[in-house]
ModelCIF file with pLDDT and N, C-alpha, C, O atoms, coordinates in Angstrom:
data_MODEL
#
_entry.id   MODEL 
#
_entity.id                         1 
_entity.type                       polymer 
_entity.pdbx_number_of_molecules   1 
#
_entity_poly.entity_id                      1 
_entity_poly.type                           'polypeptide(L)' 
_entity_poly.nstd_linkage                   no 
_entity_poly.nstd_monomer                   no 
_entity_poly.pdbx_seq_one_letter_code       LSTLTADRLIRAIREKDIPTLQSVPRVGRKKAE 
_entity_poly.pdbx_seq_one_letter_code_can   LSTLTADRLIRAIREKDIPTLQSVPRVGRKKAE 
_entity_poly.pdbx_strand_id                 A 
#
loop_
_entity_poly_seq.entity_id 
_entity_poly_seq.num 
_entity_poly_seq.mon_id 
_entity_poly_seq.hetero 
1 1  LEU n 
1 2  SER n 
1 3  THR n 
1 4  LEU n 
1 5  THR n 
1 6  ALA n 
1 7  ASP n 
1 8  ARG n 
1 9  LEU n 
1 10 ILE n 
1 11 ARG n 
1 12 ALA n 
1 13 ILE n 
1 14 ARG n 
1 15 GLU n 
1 16 LYS n 
1 17 ASP n 
1 18 ILE n 
1 19 PRO n 
1 20 THR n 
1 21 LEU n 
1 22 GLN n 
1 23 SER n 
1 24 VAL n 
1 25 PRO n 
1 26 ARG n 
1 27 VAL n 
1 28 GLY n 
1 29 ARG n 
1 30 LYS n 
1 31 LYS n 
1 32 ALA n 
1 33 GLU n 
#
_struct_asym.id          A 
_struct_asym.entity_id   1 
#
loop_
_ma_qa_metric.id 
_ma_qa_metric.mode 
_ma_qa_metric.name 
_ma_qa_metric.software_group_id 
_ma_qa_metric.type 
1 global pLDDT . pLDDT 
2 local  pLDDT . pLDDT 
#
_ma_qa_metric_global.metric_id      1 
_ma_qa_metric_global.metric_value   85.70 
_ma_qa_metric_global.model_id       1 
_ma_qa_metric_global.ordinal_id     1 
#
loop_
_ma_qa_metric_local.label_asym_id 
_ma_qa_metric_local.label_comp_id 
_ma_qa_metric_local.label_seq_id 
_ma_qa_metric_local.metric_id 
_ma_qa_metric_local.metric_value 
_ma_qa_metric_local.model_id 
_ma_qa_metric_local.ordinal_id 
A LEU 1  2 71.00 1 1  
A SER 2  2 75.00 1 2  
A THR 3  2 82.00 1 3  
A LEU 4  2 81.00 1 4  
A THR 5  2 77.00 1 5  
A ALA 6  2 73.00 1 6  
A ASP 7  2 77.00 1 7  
A ARG 8  2 84.00 1 8  
A LEU 9  2 82.00 1 9  
A ILE 10 2 79.00 1 10 
A ARG 11 2 85.00 1 11 
A ALA 12 2 88.00 1 12 
A ILE 13 2 84.00 1 13 
A ARG 14 2 85.00 1 14 
A GLU 15 2 90.00 1 15 
A LYS 16 2 91.00 1 16 
A ASP 17 2 93.00 1 17 
A ILE 18 2 93.00 1 18 
A PRO 19 2 94.00 1 19 
A THR 20 2 93.00 1 20 
A LEU 21 2 90.00 1 21 
A GLN 22 2 91.00 1 22 
A SER 23 2 91.00 1 23 
A VAL 24 2 87.00 1 24 
A PRO 25 2 86.00 1 25 
A ARG 26 2 85.00 1 26 
A VAL 27 2 86.00 1 27 
A GLY 28 2 89.00 1 28 
A ARG 29 2 92.00 1 29 
A LYS 30 2 90.00 1 30 
A LYS 31 2 87.00 1 31 
A ALA 32 2 88.00 1 32 
A GLU 33 2 89.00 1 33 
#
loop_
_atom_site.group_PDB 
_atom_site.id 
_atom_site.type_symbol 
_atom_site.label_atom_id 
_atom_site.label_alt_id 
_atom_site.label_comp_id 
_atom_site.label_asym_id 
_atom_site.label_entity_id 
_atom_site.label_seq_id 
_atom_site.pdbx_PDB_ins_code 
_atom_site.Cartn_x 
_atom_site.Cartn_y 
_atom_site.Cartn_z 
_atom_site.occupancy 
_atom_site.B_iso_or_equiv 
_atom_site.pdbx_formal_charge 
_atom_site.auth_seq_id 
_atom_site.auth_comp_id 
_atom_site.auth_asym_id 
_atom_site.auth_atom_id 
_atom_site.pdbx_PDB_model_num 
ATOM 1   N N  . LEU A 1 1  ? -158.281 -195.008 -68.276 1.00 71.00 ? 1  LEU A N  1 
ATOM 2   C CA . LEU A 1 1  ? -157.545 -194.702 -67.057 1.00 71.00 ? 1  LEU A CA 1 
ATOM 3   C C  . LEU A 1 1  ? -157.842 -195.658 -65.910 1.00 71.00 ? 1  LEU A C  1 
ATOM 4   O O  . LEU A 1 1  ? -157.078 -195.719 -64.946 1.00 71.00 ? 1  LEU A O  1 
ATOM 5   N N  . SER A 1 2  ? -158.933 -196.403 -65.998 1.00 75.00 ? 2  SER A N  1 
ATOM 6   C CA . SER A 1 2  ? -159.193 -197.424 -64.980 1.00 75.00 ? 2  SER A CA 1 
ATOM 7   C C  . SER A 1 2  ? -158.358 -198.660 -65.247 1.00 75.00 ? 2  SER A C  1 
ATOM 8   O O  . SER A 1 2  ? -158.052 -199.420 -64.328 1.00 75.00 ? 2  SER A O  1 
ATOM 9   N N  . THR A 1 3  ? -157.992 -198.861 -66.492 1.00 82.00 ? 3  THR A N  1 
ATOM 10  C CA . THR A 1 3  ? -157.229 -200.045 -66.869 1.00 82.00 ? 3  THR A CA 1 
ATOM 11  C C  . THR A 1 3  ? -155.731 -199.773 -66.870 1.00 82.00 ? 3  THR A C  1 
ATOM 12  O O  . THR A 1 3  ? -154.943 -200.609 -66.429 1.00 82.00 ? 3  THR A O  1 
ATOM 13  N N  . LEU A 1 4  ? -155.339 -198.603 -67.367 1.00 81.00 ? 4  LEU A N  1 
ATOM 14  C CA . LEU A 1 4  ? -153.921 -198.261 -67.515 1.00 81.00 ? 4  LEU A CA 1 
ATOM 15  C C  . LEU A 1 4  ? -153.604 -196.989 -66.747 1.00 81.00 ? 4  LEU A C  1 
ATOM 16  O O  . LEU A 1 4  ? -154.438 -196.088 -66.658 1.00 81.00 ? 4  LEU A O  1 
ATOM 17  N N  . THR A 1 5  ? -152.404 -196.913 -66.194 1.00 77.00 ? 5  THR A N  1 
ATOM 18  C CA . THR A 1 5  ? -151.973 -195.656 -65.585 1.00 77.00 ? 5  THR A CA 1 
ATOM 19  C C  . THR A 1 5  ? -151.705 -194.659 -66.700 1.00 77.00 ? 5  THR A C  1 
ATOM 20  O O  . THR A 1 5  ? -151.576 -195.042 -67.863 1.00 77.00 ? 5  THR A O  1 
ATOM 21  N N  . ALA A 1 6  ? -151.622 -193.386 -66.350 1.00 73.00 ? 6  ALA A N  1 
ATOM 22  C CA . ALA A 1 6  ? -151.370 -192.356 -67.363 1.00 73.00 ? 6  ALA A CA 1 
ATOM 23  C C  . ALA A 1 6  ? -150.054 -192.628 -68.087 1.00 73.00 ? 6  ALA A C  1 
ATOM 24  O O  . ALA A 1 6  ? -149.986 -192.528 -69.312 1.00 73.00 ? 6  ALA A O  1 
ATOM 25  N N  . ASP A 1 7  ? -149.007 -192.972 -67.330 1.00 77.00 ? 7  ASP A N  1 
ATOM 26  C CA . ASP A 1 7  ? -147.712 -193.251 -67.953 1.00 77.00 ? 7  ASP A CA 1 
ATOM 27  C C  . ASP A 1 7  ? -147.787 -194.450 -68.890 1.00 77.00 ? 7  ASP A C  1 
ATOM 28  O O  . ASP A 1 7  ? -147.230 -194.420 -69.987 1.00 77.00 ? 7  ASP A O  1 
ATOM 29  N N  . ARG A 1 8  ? -148.480 -195.510 -68.458 1.00 84.00 ? 8  ARG A N  1 
ATOM 30  C CA . ARG A 1 8  ? -148.584 -196.723 -69.283 1.00 84.00 ? 8  ARG A CA 1 
ATOM 31  C C  . ARG A 1 8  ? -149.398 -196.456 -70.546 1.00 84.00 ? 8  ARG A C  1 
ATOM 32  O O  . ARG A 1 8  ? -149.070 -196.972 -71.614 1.00 84.00 ? 8  ARG A O  1 
ATOM 33  N N  . LEU A 1 9  ? -150.445 -195.664 -70.433 1.00 82.00 ? 9  LEU A N  1 
ATOM 34  C CA . LEU A 1 9  ? -151.260 -195.316 -71.593 1.00 82.00 ? 9  LEU A CA 1 
ATOM 35  C C  . LEU A 1 9  ? -150.427 -194.565 -72.628 1.00 82.00 ? 9  LEU A C  1 
ATOM 36  O O  . LEU A 1 9  ? -150.449 -194.903 -73.812 1.00 82.00 ? 9  LEU A O  1 
ATOM 37  N N  . ILE A 1 10 ? -149.703 -193.562 -72.188 1.00 79.00 ? 10 ILE A N  1 
ATOM 38  C CA . ILE A 1 10 ? -148.887 -192.765 -73.104 1.00 79.00 ? 10 ILE A CA 1 
ATOM 39  C C  . ILE A 1 10 ? -147.783 -193.619 -73.717 1.00 79.00 ? 10 ILE A C  1 
ATOM 40  O O  . ILE A 1 10 ? -147.493 -193.496 -74.907 1.00 79.00 ? 10 ILE A O  1 
ATOM 41  N N  . ARG A 1 11 ? -147.163 -194.485 -72.914 1.00 85.00 ? 11 ARG A N  1 
ATOM 42  C CA . ARG A 1 11 ? -146.123 -195.370 -73.435 1.00 85.00 ? 11 ARG A CA 1 
ATOM 43  C C  . ARG A 1 11 ? -146.702 -196.336 -74.476 1.00 85.00 ? 11 ARG A C  1 
ATOM 44  O O  . ARG A 1 11 ? -146.074 -196.586 -75.505 1.00 85.00 ? 11 ARG A O  1 
ATOM 45  N N  . ALA A 1 12 ? -147.895 -196.879 -74.212 1.00 88.00 ? 12 ALA A N  1 
ATOM 46  C CA . ALA A 1 12 ? -148.529 -197.802 -75.154 1.00 88.00 ? 12 ALA A CA 1 
ATOM 47  C C  . ALA A 1 12 ? -148.819 -197.104 -76.483 1.00 88.00 ? 12 ALA A C  1 
ATOM 48  O O  . ALA A 1 12 ? -148.660 -197.701 -77.548 1.00 88.00 ? 12 ALA A O  1 
ATOM 49  N N  . ILE A 1 13 ? -149.241 -195.856 -76.421 1.00 84.00 ? 13 ILE A N  1 
ATOM 50  C CA . ILE A 1 13 ? -149.523 -195.110 -77.652 1.00 84.00 ? 13 ILE A CA 1 
ATOM 51  C C  . ILE A 1 13 ? -148.233 -194.826 -78.410 1.00 84.00 ? 13 ILE A C  1 
ATOM 52  O O  . ILE A 1 13 ? -148.173 -195.000 -79.627 1.00 84.00 ? 13 ILE A O  1 
ATOM 53  N N  . ARG A 1 14 ? -147.206 -194.390 -77.696 1.00 85.00 ? 14 ARG A N  1 
ATOM 54  C CA . ARG A 1 14 ? -145.916 -194.095 -78.344 1.00 85.00 ? 14 ARG A CA 1 
ATOM 55  C C  . ARG A 1 14 ? -145.308 -195.331 -78.990 1.00 85.00 ? 14 ARG A C  1 
ATOM 56  O O  . ARG A 1 14 ? -144.754 -195.259 -80.087 1.00 85.00 ? 14 ARG A O  1 
ATOM 57  N N  . GLU A 1 15 ? -145.415 -196.474 -78.299 1.00 90.00 ? 15 GLU A N  1 
ATOM 58  C CA . GLU A 1 15 ? -144.803 -197.710 -78.792 1.00 90.00 ? 15 GLU A CA 1 
ATOM 59  C C  . GLU A 1 15 ? -145.718 -198.480 -79.734 1.00 90.00 ? 15 GLU A C  1 
ATOM 60  O O  . GLU A 1 15 ? -145.363 -199.560 -80.207 1.00 90.00 ? 15 GLU A O  1 
ATOM 61  N N  . LYS A 1 16 ? -146.911 -197.918 -80.007 1.00 91.00 ? 16 LYS A N  1 
ATOM 62  C CA . LYS A 1 16 ? -147.894 -198.575 -80.861 1.00 91.00 ? 16 LYS A CA 1 
ATOM 63  C C  . LYS A 1 16 ? -148.209 -199.985 -80.345 1.00 91.00 ? 16 LYS A C  1 
ATOM 64  O O  . LYS A 1 16 ? -148.293 -200.946 -81.109 1.00 91.00 ? 16 LYS A O  1 
ATOM 65  N N  . ASP A 1 17 ? -148.380 -200.069 -79.027 1.00 93.00 ? 17 ASP A N  1 
ATOM 66  C CA . ASP A 1 17 ? -148.633 -201.336 -78.333 1.00 93.00 ? 17 ASP A CA 1 
ATOM 67  C C  . ASP A 1 17 ? -150.133 -201.641 -78.352 1.00 93.00 ? 17 ASP A C  1 
ATOM 68  O O  . ASP A 1 17 ? -150.845 -201.359 -77.388 1.00 93.00 ? 17 ASP A O  1 
ATOM 69  N N  . ILE A 1 18 ? -150.597 -202.211 -79.443 1.00 93.00 ? 18 ILE A N  1 
ATOM 70  C CA . ILE A 1 18 ? -152.019 -202.494 -79.633 1.00 93.00 ? 18 ILE A CA 1 
ATOM 71  C C  . ILE A 1 18 ? -152.553 -203.486 -78.604 1.00 93.00 ? 18 ILE A C  1 
ATOM 72  O O  . ILE A 1 18 ? -153.652 -203.270 -78.092 1.00 93.00 ? 18 ILE A O  1 
ATOM 73  N N  . PRO A 1 19 ? -151.830 -204.573 -78.267 1.00 94.00 ? 19 PRO A N  1 
ATOM 74  C CA . PRO A 1 19 ? -152.374 -205.495 -77.254 1.00 94.00 ? 19 PRO A CA 1 
ATOM 75  C C  . PRO A 1 19 ? -152.632 -204.831 -75.897 1.00 94.00 ? 19 PRO A C  1 
ATOM 76  O O  . PRO A 1 19 ? -153.600 -205.175 -75.220 1.00 94.00 ? 19 PRO A O  1 
ATOM 77  N N  . THR A 1 20 ? -151.786 -203.894 -75.496 1.00 93.00 ? 20 THR A N  1 
ATOM 78  C CA . THR A 1 20 ? -152.015 -203.184 -74.232 1.00 93.00 ? 20 THR A CA 1 
ATOM 79  C C  . THR A 1 20 ? -153.267 -202.331 -74.322 1.00 93.00 ? 20 THR A C  1 
ATOM 80  O O  . THR A 1 20 ? -154.076 -202.324 -73.394 1.00 93.00 ? 20 THR A O  1 
ATOM 81  N N  . LEU A 1 21 ? -153.440 -201.622 -75.408 1.00 90.00 ? 21 LEU A N  1 
ATOM 82  C CA . LEU A 1 21 ? -154.637 -200.801 -75.583 1.00 90.00 ? 21 LEU A CA 1 
ATOM 83  C C  . LEU A 1 21 ? -155.896 -201.668 -75.667 1.00 90.00 ? 21 LEU A C  1 
ATOM 84  O O  . LEU A 1 21 ? -156.965 -201.258 -75.217 1.00 90.00 ? 21 LEU A O  1 
ATOM 85  N N  . GLN A 1 22 ? -155.767 -202.867 -76.244 1.00 91.00 ? 22 GLN A N  1 
ATOM 86  C CA . GLN A 1 22 ? -156.899 -203.783 -76.331 1.00 91.00 ? 22 GLN A CA 1 
ATOM 87  C C  . GLN A 1 22 ? -157.277 -204.367 -74.971 1.00 91.00 ? 22 GLN A C  1 
ATOM 88  O O  . GLN A 1 22 ? -158.359 -204.936 -74.828 1.00 91.00 ? 22 GLN A O  1 
ATOM 89  N N  . SER A 1 23 ? -156.415 -204.239 -73.984 1.00 91.00 ? 23 SER A N  1 
ATOM 90  C CA . SER A 1 23 ? -156.747 -204.742 -72.646 1.00 91.00 ? 23 SER A CA 1 
ATOM 91  C C  . SER A 1 23 ? -157.808 -203.877 -71.971 1.00 91.00 ? 23 SER A C  1 
ATOM 92  O O  . SER A 1 23 ? -158.369 -204.265 -70.947 1.00 91.00 ? 23 SER A O  1 
ATOM 93  N N  . VAL A 1 24 ? -158.081 -202.710 -72.541 1.00 87.00 ? 24 VAL A N  1 
ATOM 94  C CA . VAL A 1 24 ? -159.122 -201.810 -72.025 1.00 87.00 ? 24 VAL A CA 1 
ATOM 95  C C  . VAL A 1 24 ? -160.475 -202.326 -72.509 1.00 87.00 ? 24 VAL A C  1 
ATOM 96  O O  . VAL A 1 24 ? -160.642 -202.612 -73.695 1.00 87.00 ? 24 VAL A O  1 
ATOM 97  N N  . PRO A 1 25 ? -161.443 -202.446 -71.597 1.00 86.00 ? 25 PRO A N  1 
ATOM 98  C CA . PRO A 1 25 ? -162.771 -202.915 -72.013 1.00 86.00 ? 25 PRO A CA 1 
ATOM 99  C C  . PRO A 1 25 ? -163.354 -202.059 -73.141 1.00 86.00 ? 25 PRO A C  1 
ATOM 100 O O  . PRO A 1 25 ? -163.259 -200.832 -73.120 1.00 86.00 ? 25 PRO A O  1 
ATOM 101 N N  . ARG A 1 26 ? -163.956 -202.728 -74.119 1.00 85.00 ? 26 ARG A N  1 
ATOM 102 C CA . ARG A 1 26 ? -164.615 -202.104 -75.269 1.00 85.00 ? 26 ARG A CA 1 
ATOM 103 C C  . ARG A 1 26 ? -163.662 -201.368 -76.203 1.00 85.00 ? 26 ARG A C  1 
ATOM 104 O O  . ARG A 1 26 ? -164.090 -200.514 -76.979 1.00 85.00 ? 26 ARG A O  1 
ATOM 105 N N  . VAL A 1 27 ? -162.364 -201.695 -76.132 1.00 86.00 ? 27 VAL A N  1 
ATOM 106 C CA . VAL A 1 27 ? -161.402 -201.182 -77.101 1.00 86.00 ? 27 VAL A CA 1 
ATOM 107 C C  . VAL A 1 27 ? -160.840 -202.381 -77.840 1.00 86.00 ? 27 VAL A C  1 
ATOM 108 O O  . VAL A 1 27 ? -160.065 -203.166 -77.294 1.00 86.00 ? 27 VAL A O  1 
ATOM 109 N N  . GLY A 1 28 ? -161.250 -202.503 -79.097 1.00 89.00 ? 28 GLY A N  1 
ATOM 110 C CA . GLY A 1 28 ? -160.760 -203.591 -79.940 1.00 89.00 ? 28 GLY A CA 1 
ATOM 111 C C  . GLY A 1 28 ? -159.566 -203.145 -80.755 1.00 89.00 ? 28 GLY A C  1 
ATOM 112 O O  . GLY A 1 28 ? -159.024 -202.057 -80.561 1.00 89.00 ? 28 GLY A O  1 
ATOM 113 N N  . ARG A 1 29 ? -159.173 -203.998 -81.658 1.00 92.00 ? 29 ARG A N  1 
ATOM 114 C CA . ARG A 1 29 ? -158.009 -203.702 -82.486 1.00 92.00 ? 29 ARG A CA 1 
ATOM 115 C C  . ARG A 1 29 ? -158.208 -202.426 -83.310 1.00 92.00 ? 29 ARG A C  1 
ATOM 116 O O  . ARG A 1 29 ? -157.305 -201.593 -83.388 1.00 92.00 ? 29 ARG A O  1 
ATOM 117 N N  . LYS A 1 30 ? -159.381 -202.270 -83.922 1.00 90.00 ? 30 LYS A N  1 
ATOM 118 C CA . LYS A 1 30 ? -159.624 -201.101 -84.765 1.00 90.00 ? 30 LYS A CA 1 
ATOM 119 C C  . LYS A 1 30 ? -159.587 -199.803 -83.962 1.00 90.00 ? 30 LYS A C  1 
ATOM 120 O O  . LYS A 1 30 ? -159.004 -198.817 -84.414 1.00 90.00 ? 30 LYS A O  1 
ATOM 121 N N  . LYS A 1 31 ? -160.202 -199.789 -82.774 1.00 87.00 ? 31 LYS A N  1 
ATOM 122 C CA . LYS A 1 31 ? -160.179 -198.580 -81.947 1.00 87.00 ? 31 LYS A CA 1 
ATOM 123 C C  . LYS A 1 31 ? -158.763 -198.267 -81.482 1.00 87.00 ? 31 LYS A C  1 
ATOM 124 O O  . LYS A 1 31 ? -158.356 -197.105 -81.457 1.00 87.00 ? 31 LYS A O  1 
ATOM 125 N N  . ALA A 1 32 ? -158.011 -199.304 -81.115 1.00 88.00 ? 32 ALA A N  1 
ATOM 126 C CA . ALA A 1 32 ? -156.628 -199.094 -80.674 1.00 88.00 ? 32 ALA A CA 1 
ATOM 127 C C  . ALA A 1 32 ? -155.793 -198.506 -81.807 1.00 88.00 ? 32 ALA A C  1 
ATOM 128 O O  . ALA A 1 32 ? -155.025 -197.567 -81.598 1.00 88.00 ? 32 ALA A O  1 
ATOM 129 N N  . GLU A 1 33 ? -155.945 -199.056 -82.992 1.00 89.00 ? 33 GLU A N  1 
ATOM 130 C CA . GLU A 1 33 ? -155.204 -198.544 -84.148 1.00 89.00 ? 33 GLU A CA 1 
ATOM 131 C C  . GLU A 1 33 ? -155.624 -197.102 -84.467 1.00 89.00 ? 33 GLU A C  1 
ATOM 132 O O  . GLU A 1 33 ? -155.107 -196.503 -85.409 1.00 89.00 ? 33 GLU A O  1 
#
């Protein structure tokens, strides 16, 4: 939530947007997936 707004986080999850989720510190590809 410090990196992404609530709306952006939910949209990234729905769209399976791994690069956006990886922009969060300590979240790599495996954690995003």
